Protein backbone atom coordinates (compact mmCIF):
# COMPACT_ATOMS: atom_id res chain seq x y z
CA UNK A 1 14.28 112.11 94.84
CA UNK A 2 15.30 111.39 91.28
CA UNK A 3 18.60 113.18 91.96
CA UNK A 4 19.89 110.05 93.73
CA UNK A 5 19.46 108.02 90.57
CA UNK A 6 21.56 110.61 88.74
CA UNK A 7 24.32 110.39 91.33
CA UNK A 8 23.79 113.89 92.72
CA UNK A 9 22.63 112.64 96.12
CA UNK A 10 24.49 109.99 98.04
CA UNK A 11 22.49 106.98 99.28
CA UNK A 12 23.07 107.90 102.93
CA UNK A 13 21.43 111.31 102.34
CA UNK A 14 18.47 109.68 100.60
CA UNK A 15 18.13 107.28 103.55
CA UNK A 16 18.15 110.21 105.98
CA UNK A 17 15.36 112.00 104.11
CA UNK A 18 13.31 108.82 103.86
CA UNK A 19 13.64 108.20 107.61
CA UNK A 20 12.57 111.76 108.35
CA UNK A 21 9.55 111.42 106.06
CA UNK A 22 8.48 108.04 107.42
CA UNK A 23 8.91 108.77 111.15
CA UNK A 24 8.14 112.45 111.68
CA UNK A 25 11.08 112.47 114.10
CA UNK A 26 13.29 115.48 114.63
CA UNK A 27 16.38 116.00 112.47
CA UNK A 28 18.88 115.46 115.25
CA UNK A 29 17.07 112.36 116.48
CA UNK A 30 17.58 110.70 113.11
CA UNK A 31 21.11 111.97 112.48
CA UNK A 32 22.36 110.87 115.92
CA UNK A 33 20.60 107.48 115.80
CA UNK A 34 23.00 104.61 116.52
CA UNK A 35 22.61 100.89 115.98
CA UNK A 36 22.54 100.34 119.74
CA UNK A 37 19.36 102.42 119.97
CA UNK A 38 17.38 100.13 117.67
CA UNK A 39 15.19 97.49 119.29
CA UNK A 40 14.83 95.09 116.38
CA UNK A 41 12.51 92.73 118.23
CA UNK A 42 9.96 95.33 119.29
CA UNK A 43 10.36 97.77 116.34
CA UNK A 44 11.33 100.71 118.55
CA UNK A 45 13.98 103.40 118.62
CA UNK A 46 15.30 104.15 122.11
CA UNK A 47 16.40 107.78 122.19
CA UNK A 48 18.44 108.52 125.34
CA UNK A 49 18.25 112.30 125.01
CA UNK A 50 15.75 114.24 122.91
CA UNK A 51 14.13 117.68 123.08
CA UNK A 52 11.56 116.17 125.44
CA UNK A 53 13.96 113.87 127.30
CA UNK A 54 14.48 110.14 127.03
CA UNK A 55 11.84 108.33 125.01
CA UNK A 56 11.08 105.08 123.24
CA UNK A 57 9.58 105.68 119.80
CA UNK A 58 7.63 102.97 118.03
CA UNK A 59 8.21 102.86 114.26
CA UNK A 60 6.45 101.26 111.31
CA UNK A 61 7.40 98.13 109.42
CA UNK A 62 8.42 100.39 106.50
CA UNK A 63 10.99 102.06 108.74
CA UNK A 64 12.29 98.74 110.05
CA UNK A 65 12.65 97.44 106.50
CA UNK A 66 14.65 100.54 105.55
CA UNK A 67 16.85 100.21 108.64
CA UNK A 68 17.59 96.57 107.79
CA UNK A 69 18.56 97.63 104.26
CA UNK A 70 20.93 100.26 105.63
CA UNK A 71 22.31 97.73 108.13
CA UNK A 72 23.00 95.16 105.42
CA UNK A 73 24.70 97.66 103.12
CA UNK A 74 26.83 98.97 106.00
CA UNK A 75 28.21 95.46 106.72
CA UNK A 76 25.89 94.61 109.63
CA UNK A 77 27.59 96.74 112.31
CA UNK A 78 26.66 96.43 115.98
CA UNK A 79 27.76 99.91 117.02
CA UNK A 80 28.11 103.40 115.59
CA UNK A 81 25.89 105.86 113.73
CA UNK A 82 23.20 104.53 111.41
CA UNK A 83 23.80 107.41 108.99
CA UNK A 84 27.53 107.90 108.55
CA UNK A 85 29.39 110.52 106.56
CA UNK A 86 32.42 109.84 104.40
CA UNK A 87 34.76 110.11 107.39
CA UNK A 88 32.85 107.47 109.35
CA UNK A 89 31.29 109.98 111.74
CA UNK A 90 27.67 111.09 111.82
CA UNK A 91 26.13 112.54 108.68
CA UNK A 92 26.24 116.34 108.91
CA UNK A 93 25.49 117.90 105.52
CA UNK A 94 21.87 116.89 105.09
CA UNK A 95 20.71 120.52 104.92
CA UNK A 96 22.79 121.07 101.77
CA UNK A 97 21.14 118.05 100.17
CA UNK A 98 17.67 119.25 101.11
CA UNK A 99 18.40 122.74 99.78
CA UNK A 100 19.31 121.31 96.37
CA UNK A 101 16.12 119.23 96.27
CA UNK A 102 13.75 121.99 97.34
CA UNK A 103 15.32 124.44 94.89
CA UNK A 104 15.05 121.94 92.04
CA UNK A 105 11.32 121.35 92.64
CA UNK A 106 10.54 125.03 93.18
CA UNK A 107 9.96 125.05 96.96
CA UNK A 108 12.77 127.31 98.23
CA UNK A 109 11.04 128.15 101.53
CA UNK A 110 10.40 124.58 102.68
CA UNK A 111 12.59 123.65 105.64
CA UNK A 112 13.86 120.18 106.42
CA UNK A 113 11.87 120.38 109.67
CA UNK A 114 8.68 120.78 107.63
CA UNK A 115 8.87 117.07 106.77
CA UNK A 116 7.74 116.59 110.37
CA UNK A 117 4.70 118.77 109.75
CA UNK A 118 3.97 116.83 106.58
CA UNK A 119 4.09 113.55 108.51
CA UNK A 120 1.50 114.93 110.94
CA UNK A 121 -0.59 116.07 107.99
CA UNK A 122 -0.54 112.62 106.38
CA UNK A 123 -1.46 110.98 109.69
CA UNK A 124 -4.40 113.29 110.40
CA UNK A 125 -5.69 113.04 106.84
CA UNK A 126 -5.57 109.24 107.18
CA UNK A 127 -7.91 109.50 110.17
CA UNK A 128 -5.38 109.14 113.01
CA UNK A 129 -6.64 110.92 116.17
CA UNK A 130 -4.77 114.05 117.23
CA UNK A 131 -3.62 112.54 120.56
CA UNK A 132 -2.02 109.58 118.79
CA UNK A 133 -0.29 111.88 116.29
CA UNK A 134 1.16 113.77 119.24
CA UNK A 135 2.49 110.52 120.67
CA UNK A 136 4.00 109.55 117.30
CA UNK A 137 5.79 112.91 117.12
CA UNK A 138 7.04 112.71 120.69
CA UNK A 139 5.12 115.75 121.96
CA UNK A 140 5.08 116.14 125.74
CA UNK A 141 2.85 119.16 126.20
CA UNK A 142 1.20 119.33 129.65
CA UNK A 143 -2.29 119.68 128.14
CA UNK A 144 -1.97 116.42 126.22
CA UNK A 145 0.16 114.23 128.50
CA UNK A 146 -2.90 112.76 130.20
CA UNK A 147 -4.40 111.94 126.84
CA UNK A 148 -1.30 110.00 125.86
CA UNK A 149 -1.31 107.92 129.03
CA UNK A 150 -4.15 105.63 127.96
CA UNK A 151 -2.99 105.02 124.39
CA UNK A 152 -2.33 101.36 123.73
CA UNK A 153 0.74 100.17 121.90
CA UNK A 154 -1.49 98.58 119.26
CA UNK A 155 -3.31 101.85 118.59
CA UNK A 156 -0.08 103.74 117.99
CA UNK A 157 1.40 100.95 115.88
CA UNK A 158 -1.71 100.80 113.74
CA UNK A 159 -1.52 104.57 113.22
CA UNK A 160 2.16 104.35 112.27
CA UNK A 161 1.47 101.67 109.68
CA UNK A 162 -1.45 103.65 108.24
CA UNK A 163 0.63 106.84 107.95
CA UNK A 164 3.70 105.13 106.50
CA UNK A 165 1.55 103.35 103.92
CA UNK A 166 -0.07 106.61 102.88
CA UNK A 167 3.38 108.13 102.28
CA UNK A 168 4.94 105.16 100.50
CA UNK A 169 1.85 104.62 98.35
CA UNK A 170 2.46 108.11 96.99
CA UNK A 171 6.00 107.05 96.05
CA UNK A 172 5.12 103.71 94.53
CA UNK A 173 1.65 103.94 93.07
CA UNK A 174 1.39 107.47 91.68
CA UNK A 175 0.25 107.45 88.03
CA UNK A 176 2.57 108.75 85.29
CA UNK A 177 2.58 112.54 84.85
CA UNK A 178 0.27 112.48 81.80
CA UNK A 179 -2.56 110.87 83.78
CA UNK A 180 -2.06 112.43 87.21
CA UNK A 181 -5.15 113.66 88.96
CA UNK A 182 -5.10 117.36 89.94
CA UNK A 183 -3.44 118.05 93.27
CA UNK A 184 -5.99 118.85 95.99
CA UNK A 185 -4.77 121.32 98.66
CA UNK A 186 -5.75 121.01 102.30
CA UNK A 187 -9.28 122.13 103.08
CA UNK A 188 -9.93 124.64 105.86
CA UNK A 189 -11.27 121.82 108.03
CA UNK A 190 -8.21 119.63 107.46
CA UNK A 191 -5.87 122.55 108.17
CA UNK A 192 -7.72 123.39 111.39
CA UNK A 193 -6.77 119.92 112.70
CA UNK A 194 -3.17 120.16 111.58
CA UNK A 195 -2.48 123.79 112.58
CA UNK A 196 -2.10 123.16 116.36
CA UNK A 197 0.67 120.62 115.75
CA UNK A 198 2.44 122.84 113.25
CA UNK A 199 2.18 125.86 115.54
CA UNK A 200 3.69 123.85 118.40
CA UNK A 201 6.75 123.14 116.24
CA UNK A 202 7.20 126.65 114.82
CA UNK A 203 10.39 128.41 115.87
CA UNK A 204 9.98 131.82 117.51
CA UNK A 205 11.03 134.93 115.66
CA UNK A 206 11.98 135.36 112.04
CA UNK A 207 9.84 136.53 109.12
CA UNK A 208 6.24 135.34 108.67
CA UNK A 209 5.99 131.93 107.01
CA UNK A 210 3.05 130.38 105.14
CA UNK A 211 3.02 127.11 107.10
CA UNK A 212 -0.14 125.86 105.40
CA UNK A 213 1.43 126.41 101.99
CA UNK A 214 4.59 124.62 103.08
CA UNK A 215 2.69 121.53 104.23
CA UNK A 216 0.76 121.50 100.94
CA UNK A 217 4.03 121.89 99.06
CA UNK A 218 5.53 118.82 100.70
CA UNK A 219 2.34 116.86 100.01
CA UNK A 220 2.64 117.85 96.35
CA UNK A 221 6.26 116.66 96.23
CA UNK A 222 5.32 113.33 97.79
CA UNK A 223 2.49 112.82 95.32
CA UNK A 224 4.26 114.00 92.17
CA UNK A 225 7.98 113.52 92.71
CA UNK A 226 8.94 111.29 95.58
CA UNK A 227 8.00 108.00 93.93
CA UNK A 228 11.01 108.45 91.63
CA UNK A 229 13.21 107.96 94.66
CA UNK A 230 12.65 104.21 94.39
CA UNK A 231 15.71 104.14 92.15
CA UNK A 232 17.80 105.18 95.12
CA UNK A 233 16.70 102.35 97.37
C-alpha cells in the first residue's frame, strides 16, 4: 500500500482495503457500514441486511482500533457512512483503487473479493477450525449451520484476534527486502482445507480462474508489500 504514502490513494480507500483484509467481510458490507451499526462496547458490527440476511459480526481489536482512528479523523460523527466519498456519500470507487494496486504489483487477475479468500486462508493456516472460519465469514450453508450453533463467543473472538495478528504481523514485522525469506506457496494439504470456502464464494460463469494462485498472490502481497501501508495509517 505504499501508493497511499505517495498520495496516489486517498486515506479512505486505504481504510476500506484494510477493513476488507482484516475482517474477511463482503465488499458491500464494508462500504455500506454506518456508525450506527458499530457496537463499540461489544466489538461487533450489526449488519441489518447482508447476502445471508441480518447478522451480528464480531471483529478483532485491530479492527476496532482502525474504526476508532477513522472515527476520530472524521470528527467523531454519530451517524452516516464510515467510509465516505468526497461528496459525503458512501465510498464507491474502491474497485478503481484496487485495480491500480494489483496492476502495480503484477497481479492483474486478483479481484477485490479475493481478499475474503485470503482472510480465510490466513485463518486456516493459523490453526482456526473450518467451522469457526465459516462463522467469521458469515456463511450460512445448511450443512454447516448446526456446527456454528455451538460455537462460543470466546472461541470466535480468539480466532479473530489470531487471524488479524497474522495479517498485521506481515505488515509490521516483515524483514527488509534484502533479507526476506523465500515465499512459501500453499501446500496441497493447506489448499485442500481452504478450497471448500473459496469454492463457496466463487461466482458462476466466466472464464476459468486459478483460485489457488490468486490466494497465494494475495499472501505474497501481504508478506512483501503490505507492511509499507503503515505510512497511510
